[in-house]
């Protein structure tokens, strides 16, 4: 009977460990050489520029500086398995000749070939 109890306890510990790992963020290593991550960073910047296009036209028409971003590279990334894969990216981009850091969240659903920019904002770190 004692062996059966030990097996049950060990099984429960294993299941708890596996479940705790699901849904958490995982760091992506070597992002500079990861083509998929770099393309998601480029997509983030292009999508941000596309969504901001009306504001860009207004700024330029009124003599203001261009706020369009130019993608440089992704410098940090994490991913999380949800209803798809959510990527958390730290992106370097040029804005008005100055390199700035931005944070982006992109949801990728490969089975329907979709990607959606959920958030794009200046980095707080």
PDB file of N, CA and C in Angstrom:
ATOM      1  N   UNK A   1       0.811  -1.190   0.000  1.00  0.00           N
ATOM      2  CA  UNK A   1       0.000   0.000   0.000  1.00  0.00           C
ATOM      3  C   UNK A   1       0.861   1.264   0.000  1.00  0.00           C
ATOM      4  N   UNK A   2       1.976   1.261   0.689  1.00  0.00           N
ATOM      5  CA  UNK A   2       2.844   2.433   0.774  1.00  0.00           C
ATOM      6  C   UNK A   2       3.415   2.799  -0.587  1.00  0.00           C
ATOM      7  N   UNK A   3       3.747   1.776  -1.391  1.00  0.00           N
ATOM      8  CA  UNK A   3       4.282   2.044  -2.727  1.00  0.00           C
ATOM      9  C   UNK A   3       3.241   2.732  -3.599  1.00  0.00           C
ATOM     10  N   UNK A   4       1.997   2.323  -3.485  1.00  0.00           N
ATOM     11  CA  UNK A   4       0.921   2.935  -4.276  1.00  0.00           C
ATOM     12  C   UNK A   4       0.742   4.400  -3.890  1.00  0.00           C
ATOM     13  N   UNK A   5       0.834   4.692  -2.599  1.00  0.00           N
ATOM     14  CA  UNK A   5       0.691   6.080  -2.144  1.00  0.00           C
ATOM     15  C   UNK A   5       1.846   6.939  -2.665  1.00  0.00           C
ATOM     16  N   UNK A   6       3.049   6.394  -2.662  1.00  0.00           N
ATOM     17  CA  UNK A   6       4.219   7.120  -3.166  1.00  0.00           C
ATOM     18  C   UNK A   6       4.052   7.407  -4.651  1.00  0.00           C
ATOM     19  N   UNK A   7       3.575   6.441  -5.406  1.00  0.00           N
ATOM     20  CA  UNK A   7       3.367   6.628  -6.838  1.00  0.00           C
ATOM     21  C   UNK A   7       2.323   7.707  -7.088  1.00  0.00           C
ATOM     22  N   UNK A   8       1.240   7.712  -6.320  1.00  0.00           N
ATOM     23  CA  UNK A   8       0.193   8.727  -6.468  1.00  0.00           C
ATOM     24  C   UNK A   8       0.743  10.108  -6.145  1.00  0.00           C
ATOM     25  N   UNK A   9       1.485  10.224  -5.064  1.00  0.00           N
ATOM     26  CA  UNK A   9       2.050  11.522  -4.669  1.00  0.00           C
ATOM     27  C   UNK A   9       3.028  12.015  -5.736  1.00  0.00           C
ATOM     28  N   UNK A  10       3.891  11.147  -6.224  1.00  0.00           N
ATOM     29  CA  UNK A  10       4.846  11.544  -7.255  1.00  0.00           C
ATOM     30  C   UNK A  10       4.130  11.937  -8.549  1.00  0.00           C
ATOM     31  N   UNK A  11       3.078  11.224  -8.892  1.00  0.00           N
ATOM     32  CA  UNK A  11       2.295  11.564 -10.084  1.00  0.00           C
ATOM     33  C   UNK A  11       1.659  12.942  -9.946  1.00  0.00           C
ATOM     34  N   UNK A  12       1.101  13.229  -8.770  1.00  0.00           N
ATOM     35  CA  UNK A  12       0.489  14.541  -8.532  1.00  0.00           C
ATOM     36  C   UNK A  12       1.526  15.656  -8.616  1.00  0.00           C
ATOM     37  N   UNK A  13       2.713  15.419  -8.072  1.00  0.00           N
ATOM     38  CA  UNK A  13       3.780  16.420  -8.158  1.00  0.00           C
ATOM     39  C   UNK A  13       4.176  16.675  -9.600  1.00  0.00           C
ATOM     40  N   UNK A  14       4.279  15.625 -10.393  1.00  0.00           N
ATOM     41  CA  UNK A  14       4.634  15.768 -11.799  1.00  0.00           C
ATOM     42  C   UNK A  14       3.575  16.558 -12.559  1.00  0.00           C
ATOM     43  N   UNK A  15       2.307  16.227 -12.349  1.00  0.00           N
ATOM     44  CA  UNK A  15       1.212  16.933 -13.016  1.00  0.00           C
ATOM     45  C   UNK A  15       1.196  18.399 -12.600  1.00  0.00           C
ATOM     46  N   UNK A  16       1.366  18.685 -11.324  1.00  0.00           N
ATOM     47  CA  UNK A  16       1.375  20.069 -10.840  1.00  0.00           C
ATOM     48  C   UNK A  16       2.518  20.853 -11.472  1.00  0.00           C
ATOM     49  N   UNK A  17       3.693  20.250 -11.582  1.00  0.00           N
ATOM     50  CA  UNK A  17       4.841  20.920 -12.187  1.00  0.00           C
ATOM     51  C   UNK A  17       4.578  21.230 -13.652  1.00  0.00           C
ATOM     52  N   UNK A  18       4.025  20.285 -14.394  1.00  0.00           N
ATOM     53  CA  UNK A  18       3.743  20.495 -15.808  1.00  0.00           C
ATOM     54  C   UNK A  18       2.676  21.567 -15.993  1.00  0.00           C
ATOM     55  N   UNK A  19       1.604  21.528 -15.228  1.00  0.00           N
ATOM     56  CA  UNK A  19       0.517  22.498 -15.367  1.00  0.00           C
ATOM     57  C   UNK A  19       0.998  23.895 -15.020  1.00  0.00           C
ATOM     58  N   UNK A  20       1.837  24.031 -13.983  1.00  0.00           N
ATOM     59  CA  UNK A  20       2.341  25.352 -13.611  1.00  0.00           C
ATOM     60  C   UNK A  20       3.133  25.984 -14.741  1.00  0.00           C
ATOM     61  N   UNK A  21       3.774  25.197 -15.608  1.00  0.00           N
ATOM     62  CA  UNK A  21       4.554  25.723 -16.714  1.00  0.00           C
ATOM     63  C   UNK A  21       3.713  26.179 -17.889  1.00  0.00           C
ATOM     64  N   UNK A  22       2.478  25.732 -17.986  1.00  0.00           N
ATOM     65  CA  UNK A  22       1.624  26.110 -19.110  1.00  0.00           C
ATOM     66  C   UNK A  22       1.160  27.552 -18.975  1.00  0.00           C
ATOM     67  N   UNK A  23       1.111  28.245 -20.080  1.00  0.00           N
ATOM     68  CA  UNK A  23       0.583  29.600 -20.094  1.00  0.00           C
ATOM     69  C   UNK A  23       1.548  30.659 -19.615  1.00  0.00           C
ATOM     70  N   UNK A  24       2.700  30.278 -19.096  1.00  0.00           N
ATOM     71  CA  UNK A  24       3.676  31.248 -18.631  1.00  0.00           C
ATOM     72  C   UNK A  24       4.535  31.750 -19.779  1.00  0.00           C
ATOM     73  N   UNK A  25       5.167  32.882 -19.577  1.00  0.00           N
ATOM     74  CA  UNK A  25       6.077  33.423 -20.589  1.00  0.00           C
ATOM     75  C   UNK A  25       7.388  32.658 -20.579  1.00  0.00           C
ATOM     76  N   UNK A  26       7.915  32.443 -21.776  1.00  0.00           N
ATOM     77  CA  UNK A  26       9.208  31.786 -21.923  1.00  0.00           C
ATOM     78  C   UNK A  26      10.137  32.707 -22.705  1.00  0.00           C
ATOM     79  N   UNK A  27      11.346  32.878 -22.199  1.00  0.00           N
ATOM     80  CA  UNK A  27      12.335  33.723 -22.867  1.00  0.00           C
ATOM     81  C   UNK A  27      12.787  33.055 -24.164  1.00  0.00           C
ATOM     82  N   UNK A  28      12.945  33.852 -25.198  1.00  0.00           N
ATOM     83  CA  UNK A  28      13.468  33.362 -26.473  1.00  0.00           C
ATOM     84  C   UNK A  28      14.938  33.747 -26.546  1.00  0.00           C
ATOM     85  N   UNK A  29      15.788  32.753 -26.724  1.00  0.00           N
ATOM     86  CA  UNK A  29      17.232  32.991 -26.787  1.00  0.00           C
ATOM     87  C   UNK A  29      17.663  33.388 -28.192  1.00  0.00           C
ATOM     88  N   UNK A  30      18.776  34.091 -28.268  1.00  0.00           N
ATOM     89  CA  UNK A  30      19.418  34.461 -29.534  1.00  0.00           C
ATOM     90  C   UNK A  30      18.453  35.150 -30.501  1.00  0.00           C
ATOM     91  N   UNK A  31      17.750  36.179 -30.008  1.00  0.00           N
ATOM     92  CA  UNK A  31      16.739  36.861 -30.831  1.00  0.00           C
ATOM     93  C   UNK A  31      17.342  37.556 -32.041  1.00  0.00           C
ATOM     94  N   UNK A  32      18.585  37.982 -31.944  1.00  0.00           N
ATOM     95  CA  UNK A  32      19.201  38.693 -33.070  1.00  0.00           C
ATOM     96  C   UNK A  32      19.336  37.812 -34.302  1.00  0.00           C
ATOM     97  N   UNK A  33      19.455  36.505 -34.111  1.00  0.00           N
ATOM     98  CA  UNK A  33      19.588  35.571 -35.228  1.00  0.00           C
ATOM     99  C   UNK A  33      18.302  34.799 -35.516  1.00  0.00           C
ATOM    100  N   UNK A  34      17.240  35.106 -34.793  1.00  0.00           N
ATOM    101  CA  UNK A  34      15.962  34.415 -34.976  1.00  0.00           C
ATOM    102  C   UNK A  34      15.139  35.164 -36.031  1.00  0.00           C
ATOM    103  N   UNK A  35      15.073  34.598 -37.232  1.00  0.00           N
ATOM    104  CA  UNK A  35      14.406  35.279 -38.351  1.00  0.00           C
ATOM    105  C   UNK A  35      12.923  35.525 -38.066  1.00  0.00           C
ATOM    106  N   UNK A  36      12.240  34.566 -37.454  1.00  0.00           N
ATOM    107  CA  UNK A  36      10.813  34.737 -37.158  1.00  0.00           C
ATOM    108  C   UNK A  36      10.583  35.910 -36.213  1.00  0.00           C
ATOM    109  N   UNK A  37      11.386  35.995 -35.154  1.00  0.00           N
ATOM    110  CA  UNK A  37      11.247  37.083 -34.183  1.00  0.00           C
ATOM    111  C   UNK A  37      11.562  38.427 -34.831  1.00  0.00           C
ATOM    112  N   UNK A  38      12.616  38.490 -35.643  1.00  0.00           N
ATOM    113  CA  UNK A  38      12.963  39.746 -36.310  1.00  0.00           C
ATOM    114  C   UNK A  38      11.850  40.179 -37.267  1.00  0.00           C
ATOM    115  N   UNK A  39      11.254  39.226 -37.973  1.00  0.00           N
ATOM    116  CA  UNK A  39      10.134  39.566 -38.872  1.00  0.00           C
ATOM    117  C   UNK A  39       8.918  40.056 -38.096  1.00  0.00           C
ATOM    118  N   UNK A  40       8.665  39.488 -36.919  1.00  0.00           N
ATOM    119  CA  UNK A  40       7.559  39.967 -36.089  1.00  0.00           C
ATOM    120  C   UNK A  40       7.832  41.386 -35.584  1.00  0.00           C
ATOM    121  N   UNK A  41       9.094  41.694 -35.311  1.00  0.00           N
ATOM    122  CA  UNK A  41       9.456  43.059 -34.920  1.00  0.00           C
ATOM    123  C   UNK A  41       9.231  44.034 -36.058  1.00  0.00           C
ATOM    124  N   UNK A  42       9.648  43.644 -37.252  1.00  0.00           N
ATOM    125  CA  UNK A  42       9.436  44.488 -38.439  1.00  0.00           C
ATOM    126  C   UNK A  42       7.926  44.686 -38.675  1.00  0.00           C
ATOM    127  N   UNK A  43       7.163  43.596 -38.564  1.00  0.00           N
ATOM    128  CA  UNK A  43       5.706  43.674 -38.710  1.00  0.00           C
ATOM    129  C   UNK A  43       5.125  44.659 -37.694  1.00  0.00           C
ATOM    130  N   UNK A  44       5.586  44.608 -36.454  1.00  0.00           N
ATOM    131  CA  UNK A  44       5.082  45.491 -35.400  1.00  0.00           C
ATOM    132  C   UNK A  44       5.272  46.960 -35.762  1.00  0.00           C
ATOM    133  N   UNK A  45       6.472  47.295 -36.218  1.00  0.00           N
ATOM    134  CA  UNK A  45       6.773  48.682 -36.580  1.00  0.00           C
ATOM    135  C   UNK A  45       5.949  49.108 -37.796  1.00  0.00           C
ATOM    136  N   UNK A  46       5.869  48.250 -38.807  1.00  0.00           N
ATOM    137  CA  UNK A  46       5.093  48.589 -40.005  1.00  0.00           C
ATOM    138  C   UNK A  46       3.610  48.751 -39.677  1.00  0.00           C
ATOM    139  N   UNK A  47       3.086  47.891 -38.828  1.00  0.00           N
ATOM    140  CA  UNK A  47       1.674  47.976 -38.437  1.00  0.00           C
ATOM    141  C   UNK A  47       1.416  49.234 -37.604  1.00  0.00           C
ATOM    142  N   UNK A  48       2.348  49.555 -36.705  1.00  0.00           N
ATOM    143  CA  UNK A  48       2.225  50.795 -35.927  1.00  0.00           C
ATOM    144  C   UNK A  48       2.188  52.005 -36.872  1.00  0.00           C
ATOM    145  N   UNK A  49       3.117  52.037 -37.844  1.00  0.00           N
ATOM    146  CA  UNK A  49       3.144  53.143 -38.802  1.00  0.00           C
ATOM    147  C   UNK A  49       1.852  53.204 -39.613  1.00  0.00           C
ATOM    148  N   UNK A  50       1.350  52.045 -40.030  1.00  0.00           N
ATOM    149  CA  UNK A  50       0.112  52.010 -40.814  1.00  0.00           C
ATOM    150  C   UNK A  50      -1.064  52.557 -40.002  1.00  0.00           C
ATOM    151  N   UNK A  51      -1.164  52.140 -38.757  1.00  0.00           N
ATOM    152  CA  UNK A  51      -2.258  52.598 -37.892  1.00  0.00           C
ATOM    153  C   UNK A  51      -2.123  54.075 -37.542  1.00  0.00           C
ATOM    154  N   UNK A  52      -0.896  54.569 -37.547  1.00  0.00           N
ATOM    155  CA  UNK A  52      -0.645  55.976 -37.197  1.00  0.00           C
ATOM    156  C   UNK A  52      -0.647  56.886 -38.413  1.00  0.00           C
ATOM    157  N   UNK A  53      -0.923  56.370 -39.587  1.00  0.00           N
ATOM    158  CA  UNK A  53      -0.787  57.116 -40.838  1.00  0.00           C
ATOM    159  C   UNK A  53      -1.559  58.440 -40.826  1.00  0.00           C
ATOM    160  N   UNK A  54      -2.761  58.462 -40.312  1.00  0.00           N
ATOM    161  CA  UNK A  54      -3.535  59.705 -40.252  1.00  0.00           C
ATOM    162  C   UNK A  54      -2.843  60.757 -39.406  1.00  0.00           C
ATOM    163  N   UNK A  55      -2.306  60.349 -38.273  1.00  0.00           N
ATOM    164  CA  UNK A  55      -1.583  61.288 -37.403  1.00  0.00           C
ATOM    165  C   UNK A  55      -0.309  61.779 -38.086  1.00  0.00           C
ATOM    166  N   UNK A  56       0.371  60.878 -38.850  1.00  0.00           N
ATOM    167  CA  UNK A  56       1.588  61.280 -39.557  1.00  0.00           C
ATOM    168  C   UNK A  56       1.283  62.351 -40.599  1.00  0.00           C
ATOM    169  N   UNK A  57       0.224  62.127 -41.372  1.00  0.00           N
ATOM    170  CA  UNK A  57      -0.144  63.125 -42.397  1.00  0.00           C
ATOM    171  C   UNK A  57      -0.467  64.467 -41.760  1.00  0.00           C
ATOM    172  N   UNK A  58      -1.210  64.456 -40.654  1.00  0.00           N
ATOM    173  CA  UNK A  58      -1.581  65.693 -39.971  1.00  0.00           C
ATOM    174  C   UNK A  58      -0.336  66.424 -39.463  1.00  0.00           C
ATOM    175  N   UNK A  59       0.595  65.688 -38.870  1.00  0.00           N
ATOM    176  CA  UNK A  59       1.815  66.287 -38.334  1.00  0.00           C
ATOM    177  C   UNK A  59       2.650  66.926 -39.447  1.00  0.00           C
ATOM    178  N   UNK A  60       2.849  66.198 -40.543  1.00  0.00           N
ATOM    179  CA  UNK A  60       3.643  66.721 -41.657  1.00  0.00           C
ATOM    180  C   UNK A  60       2.960  67.914 -42.319  1.00  0.00           C
ATOM    181  N   UNK A  61       1.636  67.861 -42.465  1.00  0.00           N
ATOM    182  CA  UNK A  61       0.888  68.962 -43.096  1.00  0.00           C
ATOM    183  C   UNK A  61       0.981  70.235 -42.263  1.00  0.00           C
ATOM    184  N   UNK A  62       1.160  70.089 -40.965  1.00  0.00           N
ATOM    185  CA  UNK A  62       1.252  71.250 -40.088  1.00  0.00           C
ATOM    186  C   UNK A  62       2.691  71.613 -39.744  1.00  0.00           C
ATOM    187  N   UNK A  63       3.623  71.114 -40.547  1.00  0.00           N
ATOM    188  CA  UNK A  63       5.036  71.473 -40.355  1.00  0.00           C
ATOM    189  C   UNK A  63       5.719  70.730 -39.234  1.00  0.00           C
ATOM    190  N   UNK A  64       5.059  69.735 -38.672  1.00  0.00           N
ATOM    191  CA  UNK A  64       5.646  68.966 -37.576  1.00  0.00           C
ATOM    192  C   UNK A  64       6.613  67.915 -38.089  1.00  0.00           C
ATOM    193  N   UNK A  65       7.374  67.337 -37.180  1.00  0.00           N
ATOM    194  CA  UNK A  65       8.331  66.305 -37.584  1.00  0.00           C
ATOM    195  C   UNK A  65       7.625  64.994 -37.922  1.00  0.00           C
ATOM    196  N   UNK A  66       8.267  64.199 -38.740  1.00  0.00           N
ATOM    197  CA  UNK A  66       7.744  62.877 -39.055  1.00  0.00           C
ATOM    198  C   UNK A  66       7.898  61.989 -37.828  1.00  0.00           C
ATOM    199  N   UNK A  67       6.834  61.315 -37.450  1.00  0.00           N
ATOM    200  CA  UNK A  67       6.910  60.413 -36.309  1.00  0.00           C
ATOM    201  C   UNK A  67       6.970  58.955 -36.759  1.00  0.00           C
ATOM    202  N   UNK A  68       7.139  58.736 -38.069  1.00  0.00           N
ATOM    203  CA  UNK A  68       7.227  57.367 -38.574  1.00  0.00           C
ATOM    204  C   UNK A  68       8.456  56.685 -37.984  1.00  0.00           C
ATOM    205  N   UNK A  69       8.314  55.404 -37.685  1.00  0.00           N
ATOM    206  CA  UNK A  69       9.407  54.623 -37.130  1.00  0.00           C
ATOM    207  C   UNK A  69      10.091  53.829 -38.237  1.00  0.00           C
ATOM    208  N   UNK A  70      11.385  53.610 -38.072  1.00  0.00           N
ATOM    209  CA  UNK A  70      12.161  52.767 -38.980  1.00  0.00           C
ATOM    210  C   UNK A  70      12.729  51.635 -38.137  1.00  0.00           C
ATOM    211  N   UNK A  71      12.328  50.408 -38.457  1.00  0.00           N
ATOM    212  CA  UNK A  71      12.749  49.232 -37.704  1.00  0.00           C
ATOM    213  C   UNK A  71      14.263  49.058 -37.747  1.00  0.00           C
ATOM    214  N   UNK A  72      14.848  48.759 -36.573  1.00  0.00           N
ATOM    215  CA  UNK A  72      16.270  48.410 -36.501  1.00  0.00           C
ATOM    216  C   UNK A  72      16.418  46.923 -36.206  1.00  0.00           C
ATOM    217  N   UNK A  73      15.993  46.512 -34.991  1.00  0.00           N
ATOM    218  CA  UNK A  73      16.089  45.102 -34.634  1.00  0.00           C
ATOM    219  C   UNK A  73      15.328  44.815 -33.350  1.00  0.00           C
ATOM    220  N   UNK A  74      14.982  43.541 -33.170  1.00  0.00           N
ATOM    221  CA  UNK A  74      14.422  43.077 -31.904  1.00  0.00           C
ATOM    222  C   UNK A  74      15.596  42.732 -31.005  1.00  0.00           C
ATOM    223  N   UNK A  75      15.579  43.247 -29.778  1.00  0.00           N
ATOM    224  CA  UNK A  75      16.693  43.012 -28.864  1.00  0.00           C
ATOM    225  C   UNK A  75      16.323  42.112 -27.688  1.00  0.00           C
ATOM    226  N   UNK A  76      15.045  41.802 -27.546  1.00  0.00           N
ATOM    227  CA  UNK A  76      14.598  40.903 -26.489  1.00  0.00           C
ATOM    228  C   UNK A  76      13.241  40.351 -26.849  1.00  0.00           C
ATOM    229  N   UNK A  77      12.963  39.105 -26.437  1.00  0.00           N
ATOM    230  CA  UNK A  77      11.676  38.505 -26.783  1.00  0.00           C
ATOM    231  C   UNK A  77      11.297  37.402 -25.812  1.00  0.00           C
ATOM    232  N   UNK A  78      10.000  37.300 -25.591  1.00  0.00           N
ATOM    233  CA  UNK A  78       9.410  36.204 -24.837  1.00  0.00           C
ATOM    234  C   UNK A  78       8.192  35.742 -25.604  1.00  0.00           C
ATOM    235  N   UNK A  79       7.770  34.488 -25.343  1.00  0.00           N
ATOM    236  CA  UNK A  79       6.546  34.007 -25.959  1.00  0.00           C
ATOM    237  C   UNK A  79       5.709  33.304 -24.906  1.00  0.00           C
ATOM    238  N   UNK A  80       4.404  33.272 -25.179  1.00  0.00           N
ATOM    239  CA  UNK A  80       3.451  32.662 -24.266  1.00  0.00           C
ATOM    240  C   UNK A  80       2.418  31.918 -25.096  1.00  0.00           C
ATOM    241  N   UNK A  81       2.164  30.668 -24.741  1.00  0.00           N
ATOM    242  CA  UNK A  81       1.160  29.893 -25.451  1.00  0.00           C
ATOM    243  C   UNK A  81      -0.201  30.246 -24.871  1.00  0.00           C
ATOM    244  N   UNK A  82      -1.067  30.769 -25.727  1.00  0.00           N
ATOM    245  CA  UNK A  82      -2.445  31.105 -25.371  1.00  0.00           C
ATOM    246  C   UNK A  82      -3.305  30.479 -26.462  1.00  0.00           C
ATOM    247  N   UNK A  83      -4.326  31.155 -26.922  1.00  0.00           N
ATOM    248  CA  UNK A  83      -5.078  30.678 -28.093  1.00  0.00           C
ATOM    249  C   UNK A  83      -4.279  31.109 -29.317  1.00  0.00           C
ATOM    250  N   UNK A  84      -3.094  30.561 -29.445  1.00  0.00           N
ATOM    251  CA  UNK A  84      -2.096  30.957 -30.424  1.00  0.00           C
ATOM    252  C   UNK A  84      -0.802  31.153 -29.661  1.00  0.00           C
ATOM    253  N   UNK A  85       0.097  31.958 -30.207  1.00  0.00           N
ATOM    254  CA  UNK A  85       1.341  32.286 -29.510  1.00  0.00           C
ATOM    255  C   UNK A  85       1.435  33.799 -29.406  1.00  0.00           C
ATOM    256  N   UNK A  86       1.551  34.264 -28.188  1.00  0.00           N
ATOM    257  CA  UNK A  86       1.681  35.696 -27.944  1.00  0.00           C
ATOM    258  C   UNK A  86       3.169  35.999 -27.762  1.00  0.00           C
ATOM    259  N   UNK A  87       3.676  36.935 -28.570  1.00  0.00           N
ATOM    260  CA  UNK A  87       5.073  37.333 -28.509  1.00  0.00           C
ATOM    261  C   UNK A  87       5.185  38.699 -27.847  1.00  0.00           C
ATOM    262  N   UNK A  88       6.080  38.809 -26.893  1.00  0.00           N
ATOM    263  CA  UNK A  88       6.386  40.064 -26.218  1.00  0.00           C
ATOM    264  C   UNK A  88       7.773  40.484 -26.705  1.00  0.00           C
ATOM    265  N   UNK A  89       7.831  41.577 -27.450  1.00  0.00           N
ATOM    266  CA  UNK A  89       9.078  41.974 -28.102  1.00  0.00           C
ATOM    267  C   UNK A  89       9.584  43.309 -27.574  1.00  0.00           C
ATOM    268  N   UNK A  90      10.892  43.424 -27.465  1.00  0.00           N
ATOM    269  CA  UNK A  90      11.549  44.700 -27.179  1.00  0.00           C
ATOM    270  C   UNK A  90      12.270  45.070 -28.465  1.00  0.00           C
ATOM    271  N   UNK A  91      11.892  46.216 -29.040  1.00  0.00           N
ATOM    272  CA  UNK A  91      12.318  46.588 -30.390  1.00  0.00           C
ATOM    273  C   UNK A  91      13.079  47.908 -30.368  1.00  0.00           C
ATOM    274  N   UNK A  92      14.194  47.946 -31.102  1.00  0.00           N
ATOM    275  CA  UNK A  92      14.913  49.199 -31.355  1.00  0.00           C
ATOM    276  C   UNK A  92      14.439  49.722 -32.704  1.00  0.00           C
ATOM    277  N   UNK A  93      14.092  51.013 -32.744  1.00  0.00           N
ATOM    278  CA  UNK A  93      13.656  51.650 -33.986  1.00  0.00           C
ATOM    279  C   UNK A  93      14.108  53.102 -33.973  1.00  0.00           C
ATOM    280  N   UNK A  94      14.281  53.642 -35.173  1.00  0.00           N
ATOM    281  CA  UNK A  94      14.663  55.055 -35.315  1.00  0.00           C
ATOM    282  C   UNK A  94      13.394  55.895 -35.459  1.00  0.00           C
ATOM    283  N   UNK A  95      13.378  57.035 -34.777  1.00  0.00           N
ATOM    284  CA  UNK A  95      12.277  57.987 -34.907  1.00  0.00           C
ATOM    285  C   UNK A  95      12.888  59.386 -34.929  1.00  0.00           C
ATOM    286  N   UNK A  96      12.733  60.040 -36.070  1.00  0.00           N
ATOM    287  CA  UNK A  96      13.313  61.374 -36.206  1.00  0.00           C
ATOM    288  C   UNK A  96      14.821  61.387 -36.038  1.00  0.00           C
ATOM    289  N   UNK A  97      15.494  60.323 -36.488  1.00  0.00           N
ATOM    290  CA  UNK A  97      16.950  60.251 -36.390  1.00  0.00           C
ATOM    291  C   UNK A  97      17.475  59.794 -35.039  1.00  0.00           C
ATOM    292  N   UNK A  98      16.597  59.462 -34.125  1.00  0.00           N
ATOM    293  CA  UNK A  98      16.998  59.035 -32.785  1.00  0.00           C
ATOM    294  C   UNK A  98      16.579  57.580 -32.575  1.00  0.00           C
ATOM    295  N   UNK A  99      17.491  56.764 -32.049  1.00  0.00           N
ATOM    296  CA  UNK A  99      17.153  55.378 -31.742  1.00  0.00           C
ATOM    297  C   UNK A  99      16.388  55.324 -30.430  1.00  0.00           C
ATOM    298  N   UNK A 100      15.245  54.656 -30.479  1.00  0.00           N
ATOM    299  CA  UNK A 100      14.397  54.512 -29.296  1.00  0.00           C
ATOM    300  C   UNK A 100      14.041  53.044 -29.130  1.00  0.00           C
ATOM    301  N   UNK A 101      13.599  52.688 -27.923  1.00  0.00           N
ATOM    302  CA  UNK A 101      13.191  51.323 -27.625  1.00  0.00           C
ATOM    303  C   UNK A 101      11.682  51.290 -27.409  1.00  0.00           C
ATOM    304  N   UNK A 102      11.052  50.285 -28.001  1.00  0.00           N
ATOM    305  CA  UNK A 102       9.608  50.115 -27.903  1.00  0.00           C
ATOM    306  C   UNK A 102       9.295  48.698 -27.457  1.00  0.00           C
ATOM    307  N   UNK A 103       8.111  48.522 -26.899  1.00  0.00           N
ATOM    308  CA  UNK A 103       7.631  47.200 -26.527  1.00  0.00           C
ATOM    309  C   UNK A 103       6.394  46.887 -27.343  1.00  0.00           C
ATOM    310  N   UNK A 104       6.332  45.646 -27.801  1.00  0.00           N
ATOM    311  CA  UNK A 104       5.261  45.226 -28.694  1.00  0.00           C
ATOM    312  C   UNK A 104       4.722  43.880 -28.226  1.00  0.00           C
ATOM    313  N   UNK A 105       3.415  43.677 -28.440  1.00  0.00           N
ATOM    314  CA  UNK A 105       2.797  42.375 -28.195  1.00  0.00           C
ATOM    315  C   UNK A 105       2.089  41.976 -29.478  1.00  0.00           C
ATOM    316  N   UNK A 106       2.448  40.798 -30.008  1.00  0.00           N
ATOM    317  CA  UNK A 106       1.866  40.294 -31.249  1.00  0.00           C
ATOM    318  C   UNK A 106       1.279  38.909 -30.981  1.00  0.00           C
ATOM    319  N   UNK A 107       0.042  38.708 -31.422  1.00  0.00           N
ATOM    320  CA  UNK A 107      -0.605  37.402 -31.308  1.00  0.00           C
ATOM    321  C   UNK A 107      -0.566  36.719 -32.665  1.00  0.00           C
ATOM    322  N   UNK A 108       0.033  35.532 -32.707  1.00  0.00           N
ATOM    323  CA  UNK A 108       0.150  34.762 -33.947  1.00  0.00           C
ATOM    324  C   UNK A 108      -0.706  33.509 -33.820  1.00  0.00           C
ATOM    325  N   UNK A 109      -1.550  33.285 -34.842  1.00  0.00           N
ATOM    326  CA  UNK A 109      -2.355  32.067 -34.932  1.00  0.00           C
ATOM    327  C   UNK A 109      -1.974  31.378 -36.241  1.00  0.00           C
ATOM    328  N   UNK A 110      -0.972  30.497 -36.186  1.00  0.00           N
ATOM    329  CA  UNK A 110      -0.452  29.896 -37.420  1.00  0.00           C
ATOM    330  C   UNK A 110      -1.479  29.074 -38.194  1.00  0.00           C
ATOM    331  N   UNK A 111      -2.429  28.463 -37.513  1.00  0.00           N
ATOM    332  CA  UNK A 111      -3.398  27.620 -38.212  1.00  0.00           C
ATOM    333  C   UNK A 111      -4.361  28.405 -39.082  1.00  0.00           C
ATOM    334  N   UNK A 112      -4.491  29.710 -38.859  1.00  0.00           N
ATOM    335  CA  UNK A 112      -5.306  30.560 -39.735  1.00  0.00           C
ATOM    336  C   UNK A 112      -4.447  31.620 -40.424  1.00  0.00           C
ATOM    337  N   UNK A 113      -3.130  31.458 -40.310  1.00  0.00           N
ATOM    338  CA  UNK A 113      -2.155  32.365 -40.920  1.00  0.00           C
ATOM    339  C   UNK A 113      -2.455  33.825 -40.593  1.00  0.00           C
ATOM    340  N   UNK A 114      -2.616  34.116 -39.292  1.00  0.00           N
ATOM    341  CA  UNK A 114      -2.890  35.496 -38.899  1.00  0.00           C
ATOM    342  C   UNK A 114      -1.905  35.951 -37.830  1.00  0.00           C
ATOM    343  N   UNK A 115      -1.662  37.241 -37.846  1.00  0.00           N
ATOM    344  CA  UNK A 115      -0.907  37.881 -36.775  1.00  0.00           C
ATOM    345  C   UNK A 115      -1.536  39.241 -36.534  1.00  0.00           C
ATOM    346  N   UNK A 116      -1.614  39.607 -35.257  1.00  0.00           N
ATOM    347  CA  UNK A 116      -2.301  40.827 -34.871  1.00  0.00           C
ATOM    348  C   UNK A 116      -1.455  41.578 -33.856  1.00  0.00           C
ATOM    349  N   UNK A 117      -1.227  42.860 -34.119  1.00  0.00           N
ATOM    350  CA  UNK A 117      -0.512  43.710 -33.183  1.00  0.00           C
ATOM    351  C   UNK A 117      -1.480  44.105 -32.069  1.00  0.00           C
ATOM    352  N   UNK A 118      -1.225  43.641 -30.846  1.00  0.00           N
ATOM    353  CA  UNK A 118      -2.107  43.925 -29.722  1.00  0.00           C
ATOM    354  C   UNK A 118      -1.697  45.187 -28.969  1.00  0.00           C
ATOM    355  N   UNK A 119      -0.392  45.454 -28.938  1.00  0.00           N
ATOM    356  CA  UNK A 119       0.086  46.623 -28.211  1.00  0.00           C
ATOM    357  C   UNK A 119       1.426  47.060 -28.800  1.00  0.00           C
ATOM    358  N   UNK A 120       1.632  48.379 -28.829  1.00  0.00           N
ATOM    359  CA  UNK A 120       2.907  48.941 -29.261  1.00  0.00           C
ATOM    360  C   UNK A 120       3.086  50.247 -28.503  1.00  0.00           C
ATOM    361  N   UNK A 121       4.152  50.347 -27.706  1.00  0.00           N
ATOM    362  CA  UNK A 121       4.346  51.541 -26.899  1.00  0.00           C
ATOM    363  C   UNK A 121       5.825  51.741 -26.583  1.00  0.00           C
ATOM    364  N   UNK A 122       6.197  52.971 -26.212  1.00  0.00           N
ATOM    365  CA  UNK A 122       7.591  53.216 -25.812  1.00  0.00           C
ATOM    366  C   UNK A 122       7.936  52.333 -24.611  1.00  0.00           C
ATOM    367  N   UNK A 123       9.159  51.865 -24.571  1.00  0.00           N
ATOM    368  CA  UNK A 123       9.609  50.998 -23.467  1.00  0.00           C
ATOM    369  C   UNK A 123       9.763  51.802 -22.187  1.00  0.00           C
ATOM    370  N   UNK A 124       9.399  51.190 -21.102  1.00  0.00           N
ATOM    371  CA  UNK A 124       9.568  51.834 -19.791  1.00  0.00           C
ATOM    372  C   UNK A 124      10.853  51.381 -19.115  1.00  0.00           C
ATOM    373  N   UNK A 125      11.589  50.476 -19.760  1.00  0.00           N
ATOM    374  CA  UNK A 125      12.828  49.947 -19.186  1.00  0.00           C
ATOM    375  C   UNK A 125      14.021  50.367 -19.988  1.00  0.00           C
TER     376      UNK A 125
END
